[in-house]
PDB file of all heavy atoms in Angstrom:
ATOM      1  N   ILE A   1     -30.208 -11.672  17.232  1.00  0.00           N
ATOM      2  CA  ILE A   1     -28.895 -11.138  16.852  1.00  0.00           C
ATOM      3  C   ILE A   1     -28.327 -11.975  15.711  1.00  0.00           C
ATOM      4  O   ILE A   1     -27.776 -11.435  14.735  1.00  0.00           O
ATOM      5  CB  ILE A   1     -27.926 -11.143  18.058  1.00  0.00           C
ATOM      6  CG1 ILE A   1     -28.454 -10.246  19.179  1.00  0.00           C
ATOM      7  CG2 ILE A   1     -26.534 -10.705  17.622  1.00  0.00           C
ATOM      8  CD1 ILE A   1     -28.522  -8.787  18.845  1.00  0.00           C
ATOM      9  N   ARG A   2     -28.478 -13.281  15.805  1.00  0.00           N
ATOM     10  CA  ARG A   2     -27.978 -14.158  14.735  1.00  0.00           C
ATOM     11  C   ARG A   2     -28.730 -13.897  13.431  1.00  0.00           C
ATOM     12  O   ARG A   2     -28.122 -13.831  12.351  1.00  0.00           O
ATOM     13  CB  ARG A   2     -28.128 -15.621  15.157  1.00  0.00           C
ATOM     14  CG  ARG A   2     -27.586 -16.611  14.107  1.00  0.00           C
ATOM     15  CD  ARG A   2     -27.679 -18.053  14.570  1.00  0.00           C
ATOM     16  NE  ARG A   2     -26.736 -18.328  15.656  1.00  0.00           N
ATOM     17  CZ  ARG A   2     -27.071 -18.481  16.934  1.00  0.00           C
ATOM     18  NH1 ARG A   2     -28.339 -18.381  17.296  1.00  0.00           N
ATOM     19  NH2 ARG A   2     -26.160 -18.728  17.849  1.00  0.00           N
ATOM     20  N   ARG A   3     -30.063 -13.719  13.521  1.00  0.00           N
ATOM     21  CA  ARG A   3     -30.852 -13.485  12.306  1.00  0.00           C
ATOM     22  C   ARG A   3     -30.472 -12.166  11.637  1.00  0.00           C
ATOM     23  O   ARG A   3     -30.335 -12.106  10.406  1.00  0.00           O
ATOM     24  CB  ARG A   3     -32.356 -13.492  12.647  1.00  0.00           C
ATOM     25  CG  ARG A   3     -32.949 -14.871  12.878  1.00  0.00           C
ATOM     26  CD  ARG A   3     -34.461 -14.825  12.810  1.00  0.00           C
ATOM     27  NE  ARG A   3     -35.031 -13.979  13.861  1.00  0.00           N
ATOM     28  CZ  ARG A   3     -35.349 -14.406  15.078  1.00  0.00           C
ATOM     29  NH1 ARG A   3     -35.150 -15.683  15.390  1.00  0.00           N
ATOM     30  NH2 ARG A   3     -35.879 -13.589  15.961  1.00  0.00           N
ATOM     31  N   VAL A   4     -30.313 -11.116  12.435  1.00  0.00           N
ATOM     32  CA  VAL A   4     -29.928  -9.828  11.859  1.00  0.00           C
ATOM     33  C   VAL A   4     -28.546  -9.926  11.222  1.00  0.00           C
ATOM     34  O   VAL A   4     -28.314  -9.417  10.119  1.00  0.00           O
ATOM     35  CB  VAL A   4     -29.953  -8.720  12.928  1.00  0.00           C
ATOM     36  CG1 VAL A   4     -29.349  -7.423  12.374  1.00  0.00           C
ATOM     37  CG2 VAL A   4     -31.378  -8.461  13.404  1.00  0.00           C
ATOM     38  N   THR A   5     -27.629 -10.609  11.896  1.00  0.00           N
ATOM     39  CA  THR A   5     -26.279 -10.772  11.348  1.00  0.00           C
ATOM     40  C   THR A   5     -26.311 -11.538  10.038  1.00  0.00           C
ATOM     41  O   THR A   5     -25.650 -11.155   9.056  1.00  0.00           O
ATOM     42  CB  THR A   5     -25.375 -11.492  12.349  1.00  0.00           C
ATOM     43  OG1 THR A   5     -25.421 -10.811  13.611  1.00  0.00           O
ATOM     44  CG2 THR A   5     -23.934 -11.527  11.863  1.00  0.00           C
ATOM     45  N   ASP A   6     -27.084 -12.628  10.007  1.00  0.00           N
ATOM     46  CA  ASP A   6     -27.192 -13.423   8.778  1.00  0.00           C
ATOM     47  C   ASP A   6     -27.824 -12.607   7.650  1.00  0.00           C
ATOM     48  O   ASP A   6     -27.426 -12.727   6.484  1.00  0.00           O
ATOM     49  CB  ASP A   6     -28.015 -14.686   9.037  1.00  0.00           C
ATOM     50  CG  ASP A   6     -27.274 -15.702   9.895  1.00  0.00           C
ATOM     51  OD1 ASP A   6     -26.037 -15.574  10.025  1.00  0.00           O
ATOM     52  OD2 ASP A   6     -27.930 -16.613  10.436  1.00  0.00           O
ATOM     53  N   ARG A   7     -28.815 -11.794   8.000  1.00  0.00           N
ATOM     54  CA  ARG A   7     -29.477 -10.951   6.999  1.00  0.00           C
ATOM     55  C   ARG A   7     -28.489  -9.942   6.413  1.00  0.00           C
ATOM     56  O   ARG A   7     -28.451  -9.713   5.198  1.00  0.00           O
ATOM     57  CB  ARG A   7     -30.649 -10.226   7.662  1.00  0.00           C
ATOM     58  CG  ARG A   7     -31.465  -9.360   6.730  1.00  0.00           C
ATOM     59  CD  ARG A   7     -32.713  -8.876   7.451  1.00  0.00           C
ATOM     60  NE  ARG A   7     -32.445  -7.827   8.426  1.00  0.00           N
ATOM     61  CZ  ARG A   7     -33.218  -7.565   9.487  1.00  0.00           C
ATOM     62  NH1 ARG A   7     -34.297  -8.310   9.724  1.00  0.00           N
ATOM     63  NH2 ARG A   7     -32.922  -6.566  10.288  1.00  0.00           N
ATOM     64  N   ILE A   8     -27.692  -9.339   7.272  1.00  0.00           N
ATOM     65  CA  ILE A   8     -26.668  -8.389   6.800  1.00  0.00           C
ATOM     66  C   ILE A   8     -25.644  -9.107   5.928  1.00  0.00           C
ATOM     67  O   ILE A   8     -25.238  -8.613   4.869  1.00  0.00           O
ATOM     68  CB  ILE A   8     -25.978  -7.714   8.007  1.00  0.00           C
ATOM     69  CG1 ILE A   8     -26.955  -6.819   8.753  1.00  0.00           C
ATOM     70  CG2 ILE A   8     -24.755  -6.918   7.552  1.00  0.00           C
ATOM     71  CD1 ILE A   8     -26.434  -6.315  10.089  1.00  0.00           C
ATOM     72  N   ARG A   9     -25.240 -10.289   6.373  1.00  0.00           N
ATOM     73  CA  ARG A   9     -24.233 -11.051   5.622  1.00  0.00           C
ATOM     74  C   ARG A   9     -24.750 -11.404   4.225  1.00  0.00           C
ATOM     75  O   ARG A   9     -24.022 -11.293   3.225  1.00  0.00           O
ATOM     76  CB  ARG A   9     -23.858 -12.309   6.412  1.00  0.00           C
ATOM     77  CG  ARG A   9     -22.696 -13.090   5.811  1.00  0.00           C
ATOM     78  CD  ARG A   9     -22.290 -14.236   6.720  1.00  0.00           C
ATOM     79  NE  ARG A   9     -21.583 -13.783   7.919  1.00  0.00           N
ATOM     80  CZ  ARG A   9     -22.002 -13.975   9.159  1.00  0.00           C
ATOM     81  NH1 ARG A   9     -23.143 -14.597   9.384  1.00  0.00           N
ATOM     82  NH2 ARG A   9     -21.285 -13.537  10.181  1.00  0.00           N
ATOM     83  N   GLU A  10     -26.013 -11.803   4.143  1.00  0.00           N
ATOM     84  CA  GLU A  10     -26.587 -12.173   2.851  1.00  0.00           C
ATOM     85  C   GLU A  10     -26.753 -10.934   1.964  1.00  0.00           C
ATOM     86  O   GLU A  10     -26.435 -10.968   0.772  1.00  0.00           O
ATOM     87  CB  GLU A  10     -27.940 -12.858   3.055  1.00  0.00           C
ATOM     88  CG  GLU A  10     -28.627 -13.291   1.768  1.00  0.00           C
ATOM     89  CD  GLU A  10     -27.788 -14.256   0.936  1.00  0.00           C
ATOM     90  OE1 GLU A  10     -27.021 -15.053   1.514  1.00  0.00           O
ATOM     91  OE2 GLU A  10     -27.880 -14.200  -0.315  1.00  0.00           O
ATOM     92  N   ARG A  11     -27.236  -9.857   2.536  1.00  0.00           N
ATOM     93  CA  ARG A  11     -27.426  -8.614   1.787  1.00  0.00           C
ATOM     94  C   ARG A  11     -26.099  -8.091   1.245  1.00  0.00           C
ATOM     95  O   ARG A  11     -26.029  -7.477   0.185  1.00  0.00           O
ATOM     96  CB  ARG A  11     -28.061  -7.563   2.704  1.00  0.00           C
ATOM     97  CG  ARG A  11     -28.407  -6.248   2.037  1.00  0.00           C
ATOM     98  CD  ARG A  11     -28.766  -5.179   3.093  1.00  0.00           C
ATOM     99  NE  ARG A  11     -29.858  -5.594   3.939  1.00  0.00           N
ATOM    100  CZ  ARG A  11     -29.892  -5.423   5.263  1.00  0.00           C
ATOM    101  NH1 ARG A  11     -28.871  -4.848   5.891  1.00  0.00           N
ATOM    102  NH2 ARG A  11     -30.931  -5.807   5.960  1.00  0.00           N
ATOM    103  N   SER A  12     -25.030  -8.347   1.984  1.00  0.00           N
ATOM    104  CA  SER A  12     -23.709  -7.804   1.649  1.00  0.00           C
ATOM    105  C   SER A  12     -22.830  -8.792   0.893  1.00  0.00           C
ATOM    106  O   SER A  12     -21.643  -8.506   0.681  1.00  0.00           O
ATOM    107  CB  SER A  12     -22.989  -7.391   2.946  1.00  0.00           C
ATOM    108  OG  SER A  12     -23.790  -6.590   3.762  1.00  0.00           O
ATOM    109  N   ARG A  13     -23.399  -9.909   0.509  1.00  0.00           N
ATOM    110  CA  ARG A  13     -22.574 -10.983  -0.049  1.00  0.00           C
ATOM    111  C   ARG A  13     -21.670 -10.491  -1.179  1.00  0.00           C
ATOM    112  O   ARG A  13     -20.450 -10.712  -1.169  1.00  0.00           O
ATOM    113  CB  ARG A  13     -23.467 -12.126  -0.543  1.00  0.00           C
ATOM    114  CG  ARG A  13     -22.691 -13.330  -1.094  1.00  0.00           C
ATOM    115  CD  ARG A  13     -23.651 -14.409  -1.571  1.00  0.00           C
ATOM    116  NE  ARG A  13     -24.493 -14.871  -0.487  1.00  0.00           N
ATOM    117  CZ  ARG A  13     -24.126 -15.788   0.421  1.00  0.00           C
ATOM    118  NH1 ARG A  13     -22.918 -16.311   0.359  1.00  0.00           N
ATOM    119  NH2 ARG A  13     -24.968 -16.174   1.360  1.00  0.00           N
ATOM    120  N   ASN A  14     -22.228  -9.814  -2.159  1.00  0.00           N
ATOM    121  CA  ASN A  14     -21.440  -9.404  -3.324  1.00  0.00           C
ATOM    122  C   ASN A  14     -20.479  -8.265  -2.998  1.00  0.00           C
ATOM    123  O   ASN A  14     -19.304  -8.288  -3.391  1.00  0.00           O
ATOM    124  CB  ASN A  14     -22.361  -8.999  -4.473  1.00  0.00           C
ATOM    125  CG  ASN A  14     -23.149 -10.167  -5.029  1.00  0.00           C
ATOM    126  OD1 ASN A  14     -22.748 -11.329  -4.878  1.00  0.00           O
ATOM    127  ND2 ASN A  14     -24.275  -9.888  -5.657  1.00  0.00           N
ATOM    128  N   SER A  15     -20.969  -7.255  -2.284  1.00  0.00           N
ATOM    129  CA  SER A  15     -20.116  -6.104  -1.975  1.00  0.00           C
ATOM    130  C   SER A  15     -18.989  -6.487  -1.032  1.00  0.00           C
ATOM    131  O   SER A  15     -17.855  -6.014  -1.180  1.00  0.00           O
ATOM    132  CB  SER A  15     -20.946  -4.966  -1.379  1.00  0.00           C
ATOM    133  OG  SER A  15     -21.670  -5.404  -0.242  1.00  0.00           O
ATOM    134  N   ARG A  16     -19.283  -7.362  -0.086  1.00  0.00           N
ATOM    135  CA  ARG A  16     -18.235  -7.793   0.848  1.00  0.00           C
ATOM    136  C   ARG A  16     -17.196  -8.648   0.130  1.00  0.00           C
ATOM    137  O   ARG A  16     -15.984  -8.517   0.377  1.00  0.00           O
ATOM    138  CB  ARG A  16     -18.864  -8.567   2.003  1.00  0.00           C
ATOM    139  CG  ARG A  16     -17.892  -9.093   3.058  1.00  0.00           C
ATOM    140  CD  ARG A  16     -17.235  -8.007   3.861  1.00  0.00           C
ATOM    141  NE  ARG A  16     -16.408  -8.570   4.934  1.00  0.00           N
ATOM    142  CZ  ARG A  16     -15.580  -7.864   5.691  1.00  0.00           C
ATOM    143  NH1 ARG A  16     -15.458  -6.555   5.503  1.00  0.00           N
ATOM    144  NH2 ARG A  16     -14.868  -8.435   6.643  1.00  0.00           N
ATOM    145  N   ALA A  17     -17.645  -9.516  -0.764  1.00  0.00           N
ATOM    146  CA  ALA A  17     -16.711 -10.356  -1.504  1.00  0.00           C
ATOM    147  C   ALA A  17     -15.776  -9.504  -2.362  1.00  0.00           C
ATOM    148  O   ALA A  17     -14.565  -9.755  -2.439  1.00  0.00           O
ATOM    149  CB  ALA A  17     -17.471 -11.353  -2.370  1.00  0.00           C
ATOM    150  N   ALA A  18     -16.321  -8.486  -3.014  1.00  0.00           N
ATOM    151  CA  ALA A  18     -15.500  -7.605  -3.841  1.00  0.00           C
ATOM    152  C   ALA A  18     -14.493  -6.842  -2.969  1.00  0.00           C
ATOM    153  O   ALA A  18     -13.327  -6.672  -3.353  1.00  0.00           O
ATOM    154  CB  ALA A  18     -16.388  -6.633  -4.608  1.00  0.00           C
ATOM    155  N   TYR A  19     -14.940  -6.394  -1.817  1.00  0.00           N
ATOM    156  CA  TYR A  19     -14.059  -5.675  -0.897  1.00  0.00           C
ATOM    157  C   TYR A  19     -12.915  -6.568  -0.425  1.00  0.00           C
ATOM    158  O   TYR A  19     -11.745  -6.179  -0.462  1.00  0.00           O
ATOM    159  CB  TYR A  19     -14.868  -5.171   0.295  1.00  0.00           C
ATOM    160  CG  TYR A  19     -14.028  -4.649   1.440  1.00  0.00           C
ATOM    161  CD1 TYR A  19     -13.439  -3.390   1.373  1.00  0.00           C
ATOM    162  CD2 TYR A  19     -13.820  -5.416   2.586  1.00  0.00           C
ATOM    163  CE1 TYR A  19     -12.665  -2.910   2.424  1.00  0.00           C
ATOM    164  CE2 TYR A  19     -13.047  -4.942   3.638  1.00  0.00           C
ATOM    165  CZ  TYR A  19     -12.474  -3.693   3.553  1.00  0.00           C
ATOM    166  OH  TYR A  19     -11.707  -3.236   4.590  1.00  0.00           O
ATOM    167  N   LEU A  20     -13.248  -7.790   0.014  1.00  0.00           N
ATOM    168  CA  LEU A  20     -12.212  -8.691   0.521  1.00  0.00           C
ATOM    169  C   LEU A  20     -11.236  -9.098  -0.574  1.00  0.00           C
ATOM    170  O   LEU A  20     -10.036  -9.269  -0.323  1.00  0.00           O
ATOM    171  CB  LEU A  20     -12.858  -9.919   1.156  1.00  0.00           C
ATOM    172  CG  LEU A  20     -13.596  -9.669   2.480  1.00  0.00           C
ATOM    173  CD1 LEU A  20     -14.291 -10.941   2.944  1.00  0.00           C
ATOM    174  CD2 LEU A  20     -12.637  -9.159   3.545  1.00  0.00           C
ATOM    175  N   ALA A  21     -11.733  -9.234  -1.801  1.00  0.00           N
ATOM    176  CA  ALA A  21     -10.842  -9.574  -2.909  1.00  0.00           C
ATOM    177  C   ALA A  21      -9.837  -8.451  -3.146  1.00  0.00           C
ATOM    178  O   ALA A  21      -8.643  -8.702  -3.383  1.00  0.00           O
ATOM    179  CB  ALA A  21     -11.664  -9.830  -4.175  1.00  0.00           C
ATOM    180  N   LYS A  22     -10.298  -7.205  -3.064  1.00  0.00           N
ATOM    181  CA  LYS A  22      -9.402  -6.053  -3.215  1.00  0.00           C
ATOM    182  C   LYS A  22      -8.348  -6.053  -2.107  1.00  0.00           C
ATOM    183  O   LYS A  22      -7.153  -5.818  -2.362  1.00  0.00           O
ATOM    184  CB  LYS A  22     -10.221  -4.768  -3.163  1.00  0.00           C
ATOM    185  CG  LYS A  22      -9.397  -3.491  -3.237  1.00  0.00           C
ATOM    186  CD  LYS A  22     -10.213  -2.264  -2.864  1.00  0.00           C
ATOM    187  CE  LYS A  22     -10.461  -2.209  -1.352  1.00  0.00           C
ATOM    188  NZ  LYS A  22     -11.059  -0.921  -0.928  1.00  0.00           N
ATOM    189  N   VAL A  23      -8.779  -6.330  -0.886  1.00  0.00           N
ATOM    190  CA  VAL A  23      -7.866  -6.341   0.252  1.00  0.00           C
ATOM    191  C   VAL A  23      -6.826  -7.446   0.102  1.00  0.00           C
ATOM    192  O   VAL A  23      -5.629  -7.239   0.336  1.00  0.00           O
ATOM    193  CB  VAL A  23      -8.652  -6.513   1.573  1.00  0.00           C
ATOM    194  CG1 VAL A  23      -7.717  -6.837   2.729  1.00  0.00           C
ATOM    195  CG2 VAL A  23      -9.442  -5.244   1.872  1.00  0.00           C
ATOM    196  N   GLU A  24      -7.267  -8.623  -0.304  1.00  0.00           N
ATOM    197  CA  GLU A  24      -6.340  -9.750  -0.437  1.00  0.00           C
ATOM    198  C   GLU A  24      -5.290  -9.486  -1.511  1.00  0.00           C
ATOM    199  O   GLU A  24      -4.128  -9.890  -1.363  1.00  0.00           O
ATOM    200  CB  GLU A  24      -7.109 -11.037  -0.750  1.00  0.00           C
ATOM    201  CG  GLU A  24      -7.936 -11.557   0.419  1.00  0.00           C
ATOM    202  CD  GLU A  24      -7.122 -11.725   1.694  1.00  0.00           C
ATOM    203  OE1 GLU A  24      -5.989 -12.282   1.619  1.00  0.00           O
ATOM    204  OE2 GLU A  24      -7.579 -11.290   2.766  1.00  0.00           O
ATOM    205  N   ARG A  25      -5.675  -8.795  -2.576  1.00  0.00           N
ATOM    206  CA  ARG A  25      -4.686  -8.444  -3.608  1.00  0.00           C
ATOM    207  C   ARG A  25      -3.612  -7.533  -3.018  1.00  0.00           C
ATOM    208  O   ARG A  25      -2.418  -7.697  -3.305  1.00  0.00           O
ATOM    209  CB  ARG A  25      -5.372  -7.768  -4.796  1.00  0.00           C
ATOM    210  CG  ARG A  25      -6.198  -8.702  -5.665  1.00  0.00           C
ATOM    211  CD  ARG A  25      -6.567  -8.063  -7.001  1.00  0.00           C
ATOM    212  NE  ARG A  25      -7.422  -6.896  -6.837  1.00  0.00           N
ATOM    213  CZ  ARG A  25      -8.754  -6.930  -6.793  1.00  0.00           C
ATOM    214  NH1 ARG A  25      -9.379  -8.106  -6.878  1.00  0.00           N
ATOM    215  NH2 ARG A  25      -9.461  -5.823  -6.670  1.00  0.00           N
ATOM    216  N   ALA A  26      -4.038  -6.596  -2.193  1.00  0.00           N
ATOM    217  CA  ALA A  26      -3.073  -5.685  -1.569  1.00  0.00           C
ATOM    218  C   ALA A  26      -2.170  -6.420  -0.584  1.00  0.00           C
ATOM    219  O   ALA A  26      -0.968  -6.157  -0.502  1.00  0.00           O
ATOM    220  CB  ALA A  26      -3.815  -4.552  -0.866  1.00  0.00           C
ATOM    221  N   ILE A  27      -2.740  -7.371   0.163  1.00  0.00           N
ATOM    222  CA  ILE A  27      -1.949  -8.148   1.124  1.00  0.00           C
ATOM    223  C   ILE A  27      -0.914  -8.998   0.392  1.00  0.00           C
ATOM    224  O   ILE A  27       0.246  -9.103   0.810  1.00  0.00           O
ATOM    225  CB  ILE A  27      -2.866  -9.023   2.002  1.00  0.00           C
ATOM    226  CG1 ILE A  27      -3.686  -8.137   2.953  1.00  0.00           C
ATOM    227  CG2 ILE A  27      -2.051 -10.038   2.801  1.00  0.00           C
ATOM    228  CD1 ILE A  27      -4.736  -8.887   3.749  1.00  0.00           C
ATOM    229  N   GLU A  28      -1.323  -9.586  -0.707  1.00  0.00           N
ATOM    230  CA  GLU A  28      -0.416 -10.448  -1.467  1.00  0.00           C
ATOM    231  C   GLU A  28       0.777  -9.675  -2.024  1.00  0.00           C
ATOM    232  O   GLU A  28       1.867 -10.224  -2.191  1.00  0.00           O
ATOM    233  CB  GLU A  28      -1.180 -11.112  -2.615  1.00  0.00           C
ATOM    234  CG  GLU A  28      -2.142 -12.203  -2.145  1.00  0.00           C
ATOM    235  CD  GLU A  28      -3.019 -12.712  -3.276  1.00  0.00           C
ATOM    236  OE1 GLU A  28      -2.803 -12.269  -4.438  1.00  0.00           O
ATOM    237  OE2 GLU A  28      -3.906 -13.537  -3.008  1.00  0.00           O
ATOM    238  N   GLN A  29       0.576  -8.404  -2.294  1.00  0.00           N
ATOM    239  CA  GLN A  29       1.681  -7.591  -2.825  1.00  0.00           C
ATOM    240  C   GLN A  29       2.737  -7.313  -1.770  1.00  0.00           C
ATOM    241  O   GLN A  29       3.866  -6.956  -2.094  1.00  0.00           O
ATOM    242  CB  GLN A  29       1.137  -6.273  -3.370  1.00  0.00           C
ATOM    243  CG  GLN A  29       0.307  -6.436  -4.639  1.00  0.00           C
ATOM    244  CD  GLN A  29      -0.317  -5.129  -5.086  1.00  0.00           C
ATOM    245  OE1 GLN A  29      -0.073  -4.076  -4.486  1.00  0.00           O
ATOM    246  NE2 GLN A  29      -1.137  -5.186  -6.138  1.00  0.00           N
ATOM    247  N   GLY A  30       2.371  -7.481  -0.493  1.00  0.00           N
ATOM    248  CA  GLY A  30       3.327  -7.265   0.579  1.00  0.00           C
ATOM    249  C   GLY A  30       3.517  -5.797   0.885  1.00  0.00           C
ATOM    250  O   GLY A  30       2.900  -4.921   0.263  1.00  0.00           O
ATOM    251  N   PRO A  31       4.380  -5.475   1.842  1.00  0.00           N
ATOM    252  CA  PRO A  31       4.627  -4.089   2.217  1.00  0.00           C
ATOM    253  C   PRO A  31       5.009  -3.222   1.024  1.00  0.00           C
ATOM    254  O   PRO A  31       5.812  -3.625   0.171  1.00  0.00           O
ATOM    255  CB  PRO A  31       5.791  -4.201   3.218  1.00  0.00           C
ATOM    256  CG  PRO A  31       5.654  -5.582   3.789  1.00  0.00           C
ATOM    257  CD  PRO A  31       5.150  -6.434   2.659  1.00  0.00           C
ATOM    258  N   GLY A  32       4.396  -2.048   0.962  1.00  0.00           N
ATOM    259  CA  GLY A  32       4.582  -1.173  -0.189  1.00  0.00           C
ATOM    260  C   GLY A  32       6.015  -0.776  -0.442  1.00  0.00           C
ATOM    261  O   GLY A  32       6.425  -0.571  -1.590  1.00  0.00           O
ATOM    262  N   ARG A  33       6.831  -0.680   0.613  1.00  0.00           N
ATOM    263  CA  ARG A  33       8.211  -0.213   0.434  1.00  0.00           C
ATOM    264  C   ARG A  33       9.025  -1.157  -0.439  1.00  0.00           C
ATOM    265  O   ARG A  33      10.002  -0.747  -1.062  1.00  0.00           O
ATOM    266  CB  ARG A  33       8.897  -0.070   1.805  1.00  0.00           C
ATOM    267  CG  ARG A  33       8.205   0.918   2.723  1.00  0.00           C
ATOM    268  CD  ARG A  33       9.075   1.344   3.903  1.00  0.00           C
ATOM    269  NE  ARG A  33       9.543   0.266   4.731  1.00  0.00           N
ATOM    270  CZ  ARG A  33       8.832  -0.329   5.679  1.00  0.00           C
ATOM    271  NH1 ARG A  33       7.581   0.047   5.878  1.00  0.00           N
ATOM    272  NH2 ARG A  33       9.344  -1.289   6.421  1.00  0.00           N
ATOM    273  N   ALA A  34       8.610  -2.434  -0.492  1.00  0.00           N
ATOM    274  CA  ALA A  34       9.361  -3.416  -1.276  1.00  0.00           C
ATOM    275  C   ALA A  34       9.275  -3.144  -2.774  1.00  0.00           C
ATOM    276  O   ALA A  34      10.095  -3.641  -3.540  1.00  0.00           O
ATOM    277  CB  ALA A  34       8.846  -4.819  -0.969  1.00  0.00           C
ATOM    278  N   HIS A  35       8.300  -2.355  -3.199  1.00  0.00           N
ATOM    279  CA  HIS A  35       8.070  -2.130  -4.628  1.00  0.00           C
ATOM    280  C   HIS A  35       8.474  -0.728  -5.070  1.00  0.00           C
ATOM    281  O   HIS A  35       8.195  -0.328  -6.197  1.00  0.00           O
ATOM    282  CB  HIS A  35       6.593  -2.365  -4.963  1.00  0.00           C
ATOM    283  CG  HIS A  35       6.072  -3.690  -4.488  1.00  0.00           C
ATOM    284  ND1 HIS A  35       6.434  -4.886  -5.062  1.00  0.00           N
ATOM    285  CD2 HIS A  35       5.233  -4.006  -3.461  1.00  0.00           C
ATOM    286  CE1 HIS A  35       5.837  -5.888  -4.428  1.00  0.00           C
ATOM    287  NE2 HIS A  35       5.104  -5.372  -3.450  1.00  0.00           N
ATOM    288  N   MET A  36       9.138  -0.001  -4.197  1.00  0.00           N
ATOM    289  CA  MET A  36       9.468   1.390  -4.514  1.00  0.00           C
ATOM    290  C   MET A  36      10.892   1.527  -5.041  1.00  0.00           C
ATOM    291  O   MET A  36      11.769   0.733  -4.721  1.00  0.00           O
ATOM    292  CB  MET A  36       9.288   2.268  -3.265  1.00  0.00           C
ATOM    293  CG  MET A  36       7.840   2.414  -2.852  1.00  0.00           C
ATOM    294  SD  MET A  36       7.672   3.572  -1.484  1.00  0.00           S
ATOM    295  CE  MET A  36       5.885   3.735  -1.472  1.00  0.00           C
ATOM    296  N   THR A  37      11.083   2.565  -5.818  1.00  0.00           N
ATOM    297  CA  THR A  37      12.425   2.859  -6.309  1.00  0.00           C
ATOM    298  C   THR A  37      13.249   3.492  -5.191  1.00  0.00           C
ATOM    299  O   THR A  37      12.711   3.956  -4.180  1.00  0.00           O
ATOM    300  CB  THR A  37      12.373   3.839  -7.487  1.00  0.00           C
ATOM    301  OG1 THR A  37      11.940   5.117  -7.016  1.00  0.00           O
ATOM    302  CG2 THR A  37      11.416   3.344  -8.578  1.00  0.00           C
ATOM    303  N   CYS A  38      14.533   3.547  -5.394  1.00  0.00           N
ATOM    304  CA  CYS A  38      15.400   4.191  -4.403  1.00  0.00           C
ATOM    305  C   CYS A  38      15.046   5.667  -4.240  1.00  0.00           C
ATOM    306  O   CYS A  38      15.112   6.220  -3.128  1.00  0.00           O
ATOM    307  CB  CYS A  38      16.861   4.052  -4.820  1.00  0.00           C
ATOM    308  SG  CYS A  38      17.452   2.340  -4.778  1.00  0.00           S
ATOM    309  N   GLY A  39      14.643   6.308  -5.337  1.00  0.00           N
ATOM    310  CA  GLY A  39      14.234   7.708  -5.255  1.00  0.00           C
ATOM    311  C   GLY A  39      12.991   7.878  -4.397  1.00  0.00           C
ATOM    312  O   GLY A  39      12.887   8.809  -3.591  1.00  0.00           O
ATOM    313  N   ASN A  40      12.005   6.967  -4.611  1.00  0.00           N
ATOM    314  CA  ASN A  40      10.795   7.009  -3.783  1.00  0.00           C
ATOM    315  C   ASN A  40      11.150   6.934  -2.299  1.00  0.00           C
ATOM    316  O   ASN A  40      10.677   7.725  -1.472  1.00  0.00           O
ATOM    317  CB  ASN A  40       9.870   5.831  -4.109  1.00  0.00           C
ATOM    318  CG  ASN A  40       9.304   5.852  -5.512  1.00  0.00           C
ATOM    319  OD1 ASN A  40       9.095   4.796  -6.107  1.00  0.00           O
ATOM    320  ND2 ASN A  40       9.052   7.033  -6.045  1.00  0.00           N
ATOM    321  N   LEU A  41      11.974   5.949  -1.973  1.00  0.00           N
ATOM    322  CA  LEU A  41      12.319   5.706  -0.576  1.00  0.00           C
ATOM    323  C   LEU A  41      13.120   6.864   0.019  1.00  0.00           C
ATOM    324  O   LEU A  41      12.899   7.245   1.173  1.00  0.00           O
ATOM    325  CB  LEU A  41      13.099   4.405  -0.455  1.00  0.00           C
ATOM    326  CG  LEU A  41      12.306   3.127  -0.783  1.00  0.00           C
ATOM    327  CD1 LEU A  41      13.231   1.927  -0.804  1.00  0.00           C
ATOM    328  CD2 LEU A  41      11.191   2.914   0.227  1.00  0.00           C
ATOM    329  N   ALA A  42      14.033   7.412  -0.755  1.00  0.00           N
ATOM    330  CA  ALA A  42      14.847   8.507  -0.250  1.00  0.00           C
ATOM    331  C   ALA A  42      13.976   9.705   0.135  1.00  0.00           C
ATOM    332  O   ALA A  42      14.193  10.357   1.160  1.00  0.00           O
ATOM    333  CB  ALA A  42      15.877   8.923  -1.290  1.00  0.00           C
ATOM    334  N   HIS A  43      12.948   9.985  -0.685  1.00  0.00           N
ATOM    335  CA  HIS A  43      12.028  11.072  -0.362  1.00  0.00           C
ATOM    336  C   HIS A  43      11.258  10.769   0.925  1.00  0.00           C
ATOM    337  O   HIS A  43      11.042  11.658   1.753  1.00  0.00           O
ATOM    338  CB  HIS A  43      11.034  11.282  -1.506  1.00  0.00           C
ATOM    339  CG  HIS A  43      11.565  12.125  -2.622  1.00  0.00           C
ATOM    340  ND1 HIS A  43      11.768  13.476  -2.507  1.00  0.00           N
ATOM    341  CD2 HIS A  43      11.922  11.794  -3.892  1.00  0.00           C
ATOM    342  CE1 HIS A  43      12.228  13.957  -3.638  1.00  0.00           C
ATOM    343  NE2 HIS A  43      12.339  12.953  -4.507  1.00  0.00           N
TER     344      HIS A  43
END
């Protein structure tokens, strides 16, 4: 189980890193409502 997991982790190194970087950028921006206009929110 450890070997298969490590193999998947190594195979996915680049794609997983790119995915997590995208996610972290979204997390850093905070809740989406904080960046919306009053018109956006009213709708």
